[in-house]
Amino acid sequence: MKHVVSKLAAALIVAGAMSFAEAPVFDSPATAQGLLSDMDFRGIDALRVTASPMTVESLDCGIESSGLVRELRRQFESEGMKSSESDSALGVITVLSARNGDTGVCNSTLMLGAYKKASFFDKDVGWIRSGYVVVWQSAVLVVSAAETHPVQVRDALSRLGAALLGDWRSANRPTAATAVQ
């Protein structure tokens, strides 16, 4: 019986190896293969830029969300990414700040994220749900005197915006397949 089982196992291994030999080999990332994903920038041509609610300490450090949103929108539009009022793709600015009352030094964690609305089947409840998936996200820490902190935060947001735009351009760059069409 042992001999029969080992022959059967060997036959299954060979059959499996042969089926892999005929299957396509994906030796590059999904992006390089042109596979669409809810988790990248491909197909996004506009973002609705918004800001998360800010802490009182952010205000104490001179950071005002509407100004940050306005400047990021301008930066995106000047680089070819349209502004949108749709909620299908969001660019969200988040600032968490603390101010040292004795020294007047402000610390702000500044995060920029891009999120895409996606629908999925939730097997636990038995219906389709919609939510956001993270497409891109990065953060920096800004430490400076309260007097210069708003400028430092705007500069940091501009650098985050440039990094996001670089990845957006890369994801939406025409490929050889789309250039032929």
C-alpha atoms as a PDB file:
ATOM      1  CA  MET A   1       0.000   0.000   0.000  1.00  0.00           C
ATOM      2  CA  LYS A   2       2.869   2.367   0.805  1.00  0.00           C
ATOM      3  CA  HIS A   3       4.266   1.889  -2.685  1.00  0.00           C
ATOM      4  CA  VAL A   4       0.910   2.734  -4.320  1.00  0.00           C
ATOM      5  CA  VAL A   5       0.511   5.916  -2.234  1.00  0.00           C
ATOM      6  CA  SER A   6       4.005   7.134  -3.091  1.00  0.00           C
ATOM      7  CA  LYS A   7       3.393   6.485  -6.831  1.00  0.00           C
ATOM      8  CA  LEU A   8       0.126   8.416  -6.581  1.00  0.00           C
ATOM      9  CA  ALA A   9       1.863  11.289  -4.764  1.00  0.00           C
ATOM     10  CA  ALA A  10       4.618  11.345  -7.399  1.00  0.00           C
ATOM     11  CA  ALA A  11       2.043  11.412 -10.187  1.00  0.00           C
ATOM     12  CA  LEU A  12       0.215  14.323  -8.554  1.00  0.00           C
ATOM     13  CA  ILE A  13       3.473  16.250  -8.128  1.00  0.00           C
ATOM     14  CA  VAL A  14       4.387  15.720 -11.795  1.00  0.00           C
ATOM     15  CA  ALA A  15       0.883  16.726 -12.921  1.00  0.00           C
ATOM     16  CA  GLY A  16       1.081  19.854 -10.794  1.00  0.00           C
ATOM     17  CA  ALA A  17       4.480  20.749 -12.188  1.00  0.00           C
ATOM     18  CA  MET A  18       3.220  20.266 -15.742  1.00  0.00           C
ATOM     19  CA  SER A  19       0.213  22.517 -15.122  1.00  0.00           C
ATOM     20  CA  PHE A  20       2.536  25.249 -13.826  1.00  0.00           C
ATOM     21  CA  ALA A  21       4.676  24.890 -16.946  1.00  0.00           C
ATOM     22  CA  GLU A  22       1.656  25.791 -19.083  1.00  0.00           C
ATOM     23  CA  ALA A  23       0.403  28.592 -16.815  1.00  0.00           C
ATOM     24  CA  PRO A  24       1.508  32.183 -17.422  1.00  0.00           C
ATOM     25  CA  VAL A  25       4.383  33.311 -15.235  1.00  0.00           C
ATOM     26  CA  PHE A  26       3.952  36.656 -13.523  1.00  0.00           C
ATOM     27  CA  ASP A  27       7.438  37.725 -12.637  1.00  0.00           C
ATOM     28  CA  SER A  28       6.604  41.421 -12.381  1.00  0.00           C
ATOM     29  CA  PRO A  29       4.288  43.407 -10.097  1.00  0.00           C
ATOM     30  CA  ALA A  30       0.611  43.770 -10.949  1.00  0.00           C
ATOM     31  CA  THR A  31       1.231  47.356 -12.071  1.00  0.00           C
ATOM     32  CA  ALA A  32       3.784  46.221 -14.653  1.00  0.00           C
ATOM     33  CA  GLN A  33       1.323  43.623 -15.920  1.00  0.00           C
ATOM     34  CA  GLY A  34      -1.361  46.276 -16.407  1.00  0.00           C
ATOM     35  CA  LEU A  35      -3.719  44.642 -13.896  1.00  0.00           C
ATOM     36  CA  LEU A  36      -6.238  47.079 -12.450  1.00  0.00           C
ATOM     37  CA  SER A  37      -6.378  47.461  -8.703  1.00  0.00           C
ATOM     38  CA  ASP A  38      -8.389  49.482  -6.225  1.00  0.00           C
ATOM     39  CA  MET A  39      -5.144  50.111  -4.386  1.00  0.00           C
ATOM     40  CA  ASP A  40      -3.214  52.299  -6.824  1.00  0.00           C
ATOM     41  CA  PHE A  41      -3.535  55.604  -8.673  1.00  0.00           C
ATOM     42  CA  ARG A  42      -4.301  54.142 -12.104  1.00  0.00           C
ATOM     43  CA  GLY A  43      -7.377  55.755 -13.587  1.00  0.00           C
ATOM     44  CA  ILE A  44      -7.550  58.552 -11.009  1.00  0.00           C
ATOM     45  CA  ASP A  45      -7.500  61.956 -12.689  1.00  0.00           C
ATOM     46  CA  ALA A  46      -8.989  64.021  -9.845  1.00  0.00           C
ATOM     47  CA  LEU A  47      -8.966  64.153  -6.060  1.00  0.00           C
ATOM     48  CA  ARG A  48     -11.262  65.866  -3.629  1.00  0.00           C
ATOM     49  CA  VAL A  49      -8.792  67.503  -1.218  1.00  0.00           C
ATOM     50  CA  THR A  50      -9.985  67.837   2.349  1.00  0.00           C
ATOM     51  CA  ALA A  51      -8.589  67.990   5.876  1.00  0.00           C
ATOM     52  CA  SER A  52      -9.328  65.980   8.984  1.00  0.00           C
ATOM     53  CA  PRO A  53     -10.490  67.956  12.013  1.00  0.00           C
ATOM     54  CA  MET A  54      -7.517  69.611  13.688  1.00  0.00           C
ATOM     55  CA  THR A  55      -6.597  69.758  17.337  1.00  0.00           C
ATOM     56  CA  VAL A  56      -6.704  72.970  19.384  1.00  0.00           C
ATOM     57  CA  GLU A  57      -2.910  72.755  19.602  1.00  0.00           C
ATOM     58  CA  SER A  58      -2.732  72.961  15.791  1.00  0.00           C
ATOM     59  CA  LEU A  59      -4.509  76.307  16.017  1.00  0.00           C
ATOM     60  CA  ASP A  60      -2.132  77.375  18.821  1.00  0.00           C
ATOM     61  CA  CYS A  61       0.725  76.637  16.411  1.00  0.00           C
ATOM     62  CA  GLY A  62      -0.850  78.798  13.698  1.00  0.00           C
ATOM     63  CA  ILE A  63      -1.997  75.967  11.435  1.00  0.00           C
ATOM     64  CA  GLU A  64      -5.254  76.556   9.617  1.00  0.00           C
ATOM     65  CA  SER A  65      -6.780  73.697   7.624  1.00  0.00           C
ATOM     66  CA  SER A  66      -8.547  75.658   4.880  1.00  0.00           C
ATOM     67  CA  GLY A  67      -5.273  77.314   3.858  1.00  0.00           C
ATOM     68  CA  LEU A  68      -3.510  73.949   3.666  1.00  0.00           C
ATOM     69  CA  VAL A  69      -6.346  72.496   1.561  1.00  0.00           C
ATOM     70  CA  ARG A  70      -6.291  75.503  -0.780  1.00  0.00           C
ATOM     71  CA  GLU A  71      -2.507  75.325  -1.290  1.00  0.00           C
ATOM     72  CA  LEU A  72      -2.517  71.563  -1.895  1.00  0.00           C
ATOM     73  CA  ARG A  73      -5.334  71.928  -4.449  1.00  0.00           C
ATOM     74  CA  ARG A  74      -3.301  74.578  -6.284  1.00  0.00           C
ATOM     75  CA  GLN A  75      -0.223  72.360  -6.260  1.00  0.00           C
ATOM     76  CA  PHE A  76      -2.153  69.373  -7.624  1.00  0.00           C
ATOM     77  CA  GLU A  77      -3.907  71.415 -10.308  1.00  0.00           C
ATOM     78  CA  SER A  78      -0.634  73.010 -11.444  1.00  0.00           C
ATOM     79  CA  GLU A  79       0.771  69.497 -11.933  1.00  0.00           C
ATOM     80  CA  GLY A  80      -2.234  68.177 -13.883  1.00  0.00           C
ATOM     81  CA  MET A  81      -4.350  66.518 -11.204  1.00  0.00           C
ATOM     82  CA  LYS A  82      -7.846  67.976 -11.273  1.00  0.00           C
ATOM     83  CA  SER A  83      -9.766  69.070  -8.217  1.00  0.00           C
ATOM     84  CA  SER A  84     -13.101  67.374  -7.632  1.00  0.00           C
ATOM     85  CA  GLU A  85     -16.115  67.621  -5.379  1.00  0.00           C
ATOM     86  CA  SER A  86     -16.822  63.908  -5.875  1.00  0.00           C
ATOM     87  CA  ASP A  87     -16.094  61.543  -3.014  1.00  0.00           C
ATOM     88  CA  SER A  88     -14.836  58.733  -5.296  1.00  0.00           C
ATOM     89  CA  ALA A  89     -11.182  59.635  -4.604  1.00  0.00           C
ATOM     90  CA  LEU A  90      -9.991  61.699  -1.654  1.00  0.00           C
ATOM     91  CA  GLY A  91      -6.780  63.455  -0.696  1.00  0.00           C
ATOM     92  CA  VAL A  92      -6.848  63.943   3.071  1.00  0.00           C
ATOM     93  CA  ILE A  93      -4.530  66.171   5.108  1.00  0.00           C
ATOM     94  CA  THR A  94      -4.187  65.263   8.775  1.00  0.00           C
ATOM     95  CA  VAL A  95      -2.253  67.364  11.293  1.00  0.00           C
ATOM     96  CA  LEU A  96      -1.728  66.394  14.923  1.00  0.00           C
ATOM     97  CA  SER A  97       0.102  69.073  16.892  1.00  0.00           C
ATOM     98  CA  ALA A  98       1.401  69.759  20.376  1.00  0.00           C
ATOM     99  CA  ARG A  99       2.871  73.003  21.679  1.00  0.00           C
ATOM    100  CA  ASN A 100       5.270  73.269  24.569  1.00  0.00           C
ATOM    101  CA  GLY A 101       3.984  76.222  26.596  1.00  0.00           C
ATOM    102  CA  ASP A 102       7.369  76.849  28.245  1.00  0.00           C
ATOM    103  CA  THR A 103       9.533  76.900  25.102  1.00  0.00           C
ATOM    104  CA  GLY A 104       6.952  77.811  22.448  1.00  0.00           C
ATOM    105  CA  VAL A 105       8.102  74.900  20.287  1.00  0.00           C
ATOM    106  CA  CYS A 106       5.467  73.188  18.182  1.00  0.00           C
ATOM    107  CA  ASN A 107       5.550  69.555  17.072  1.00  0.00           C
ATOM    108  CA  SER A 108       3.221  68.520  14.273  1.00  0.00           C
ATOM    109  CA  THR A 109       2.801  65.167  12.631  1.00  0.00           C
ATOM    110  CA  LEU A 110       1.594  65.933   9.144  1.00  0.00           C
ATOM    111  CA  MET A 111       0.077  63.146   7.070  1.00  0.00           C
ATOM    112  CA  LEU A 112      -1.197  63.132   3.506  1.00  0.00           C
ATOM    113  CA  GLY A 113      -3.224  60.228   2.233  1.00  0.00           C
ATOM    114  CA  ALA A 114      -5.019  59.354  -0.987  1.00  0.00           C
ATOM    115  CA  TYR A 115      -8.020  57.056  -0.756  1.00  0.00           C
ATOM    116  CA  LYS A 116     -10.241  55.472  -3.410  1.00  0.00           C
ATOM    117  CA  LYS A 117     -13.840  54.391  -2.878  1.00  0.00           C
ATOM    118  CA  ALA A 118     -14.302  50.689  -3.553  1.00  0.00           C
ATOM    119  CA  SER A 119     -17.150  48.218  -3.237  1.00  0.00           C
ATOM    120  CA  PHE A 120     -16.749  44.677  -1.995  1.00  0.00           C
ATOM    121  CA  PHE A 121     -18.903  41.754  -0.993  1.00  0.00           C
ATOM    122  CA  ASP A 122     -18.982  41.279   2.765  1.00  0.00           C
ATOM    123  CA  LYS A 123     -19.640  37.565   3.284  1.00  0.00           C
ATOM    124  CA  ASP A 124     -20.369  38.087   6.997  1.00  0.00           C
ATOM    125  CA  VAL A 125     -23.439  40.231   6.305  1.00  0.00           C
ATOM    126  CA  GLY A 126     -24.240  38.901   2.832  1.00  0.00           C
ATOM    127  CA  TRP A 127     -24.286  42.135   0.834  1.00  0.00           C
ATOM    128  CA  ILE A 128     -22.056  44.616  -0.933  1.00  0.00           C
ATOM    129  CA  ARG A 129     -20.432  47.366   1.106  1.00  0.00           C
ATOM    130  CA  SER A 130     -18.520  50.434   0.041  1.00  0.00           C
ATOM    131  CA  GLY A 131     -15.543  51.969   1.764  1.00  0.00           C
ATOM    132  CA  TYR A 132     -12.175  53.516   1.085  1.00  0.00           C
ATOM    133  CA  VAL A 133      -8.906  51.784   0.346  1.00  0.00           C
ATOM    134  CA  VAL A 134      -5.541  53.415   0.909  1.00  0.00           C
ATOM    135  CA  VAL A 135      -3.906  54.265  -2.399  1.00  0.00           C
ATOM    136  CA  TRP A 136      -1.023  56.327  -0.996  1.00  0.00           C
ATOM    137  CA  GLN A 137      -0.033  57.562   2.435  1.00  0.00           C
ATOM    138  CA  SER A 138       2.968  59.268   3.969  1.00  0.00           C
ATOM    139  CA  ALA A 139       3.794  61.455   6.965  1.00  0.00           C
ATOM    140  CA  VAL A 140       6.463  63.788   8.285  1.00  0.00           C
ATOM    141  CA  LEU A 141       7.229  65.296  11.670  1.00  0.00           C
ATOM    142  CA  VAL A 142       7.700  69.064  11.803  1.00  0.00           C
ATOM    143  CA  VAL A 143       9.350  70.663  14.850  1.00  0.00           C
ATOM    144  CA  SER A 144       9.844  74.432  14.979  1.00  0.00           C
ATOM    145  CA  ALA A 145       9.148  77.601  16.925  1.00  0.00           C
ATOM    146  CA  ALA A 146       5.484  78.586  16.939  1.00  0.00           C
ATOM    147  CA  GLU A 147       6.257  81.737  14.929  1.00  0.00           C
ATOM    148  CA  THR A 148       7.677  79.810  11.957  1.00  0.00           C
ATOM    149  CA  HIS A 149       5.643  76.647  12.339  1.00  0.00           C
ATOM    150  CA  PRO A 150       2.883  77.443   9.791  1.00  0.00           C
ATOM    151  CA  VAL A 151       5.500  78.018   7.064  1.00  0.00           C
ATOM    152  CA  GLN A 152       7.363  74.844   8.018  1.00  0.00           C
ATOM    153  CA  VAL A 153       4.136  72.817   7.884  1.00  0.00           C
ATOM    154  CA  ARG A 154       3.181  74.278   4.467  1.00  0.00           C
ATOM    155  CA  ASP A 155       6.651  73.413   3.112  1.00  0.00           C
ATOM    156  CA  ALA A 156       6.360  69.864   4.455  1.00  0.00           C
ATOM    157  CA  LEU A 157       2.895  69.487   2.908  1.00  0.00           C
ATOM    158  CA  SER A 158       4.300  70.675  -0.415  1.00  0.00           C
ATOM    159  CA  ARG A 159       6.987  67.955  -0.239  1.00  0.00           C
ATOM    160  CA  LEU A 160       4.364  65.320   0.576  1.00  0.00           C
ATOM    161  CA  GLY A 161       2.225  66.606  -2.297  1.00  0.00           C
ATOM    162  CA  ALA A 162       5.200  66.349  -4.687  1.00  0.00           C
ATOM    163  CA  ALA A 163       5.830  62.740  -3.604  1.00  0.00           C
ATOM    164  CA  LEU A 164       2.143  61.847  -4.089  1.00  0.00           C
ATOM    165  CA  LEU A 165       2.123  63.488  -7.533  1.00  0.00           C
ATOM    166  CA  GLY A 166       5.261  61.584  -8.551  1.00  0.00           C
ATOM    167  CA  ASP A 167       3.603  58.259  -7.740  1.00  0.00           C
ATOM    168  CA  TRP A 168       0.364  59.401  -9.421  1.00  0.00           C
ATOM    169  CA  ARG A 169       2.234  60.293 -12.623  1.00  0.00           C
ATOM    170  CA  SER A 170       4.103  56.979 -12.588  1.00  0.00           C
ATOM    171  CA  ALA A 171       0.886  54.992 -12.191  1.00  0.00           C
ATOM    172  CA  ASN A 172      -0.835  56.870 -15.014  1.00  0.00           C
ATOM    173  CA  ARG A 173       2.081  56.976 -17.429  1.00  0.00           C
ATOM    174  CA  PRO A 174       1.107  55.472 -20.779  1.00  0.00           C
ATOM    175  CA  THR A 175       2.454  51.950 -21.250  1.00  0.00           C
ATOM    176  CA  ALA A 176       3.599  50.429 -24.525  1.00  0.00           C
ATOM    177  CA  ALA A 177       0.214  48.672 -24.789  1.00  0.00           C
ATOM    178  CA  THR A 178      -1.792  51.897 -24.380  1.00  0.00           C
ATOM    179  CA  ALA A 179       0.525  53.887 -26.658  1.00  0.00           C
ATOM    180  CA  VAL A 180      -0.195  51.479 -29.555  1.00  0.00           C
ATOM    181  CA  GLN A 181      -3.987  51.892 -29.299  1.00  0.00           C
END
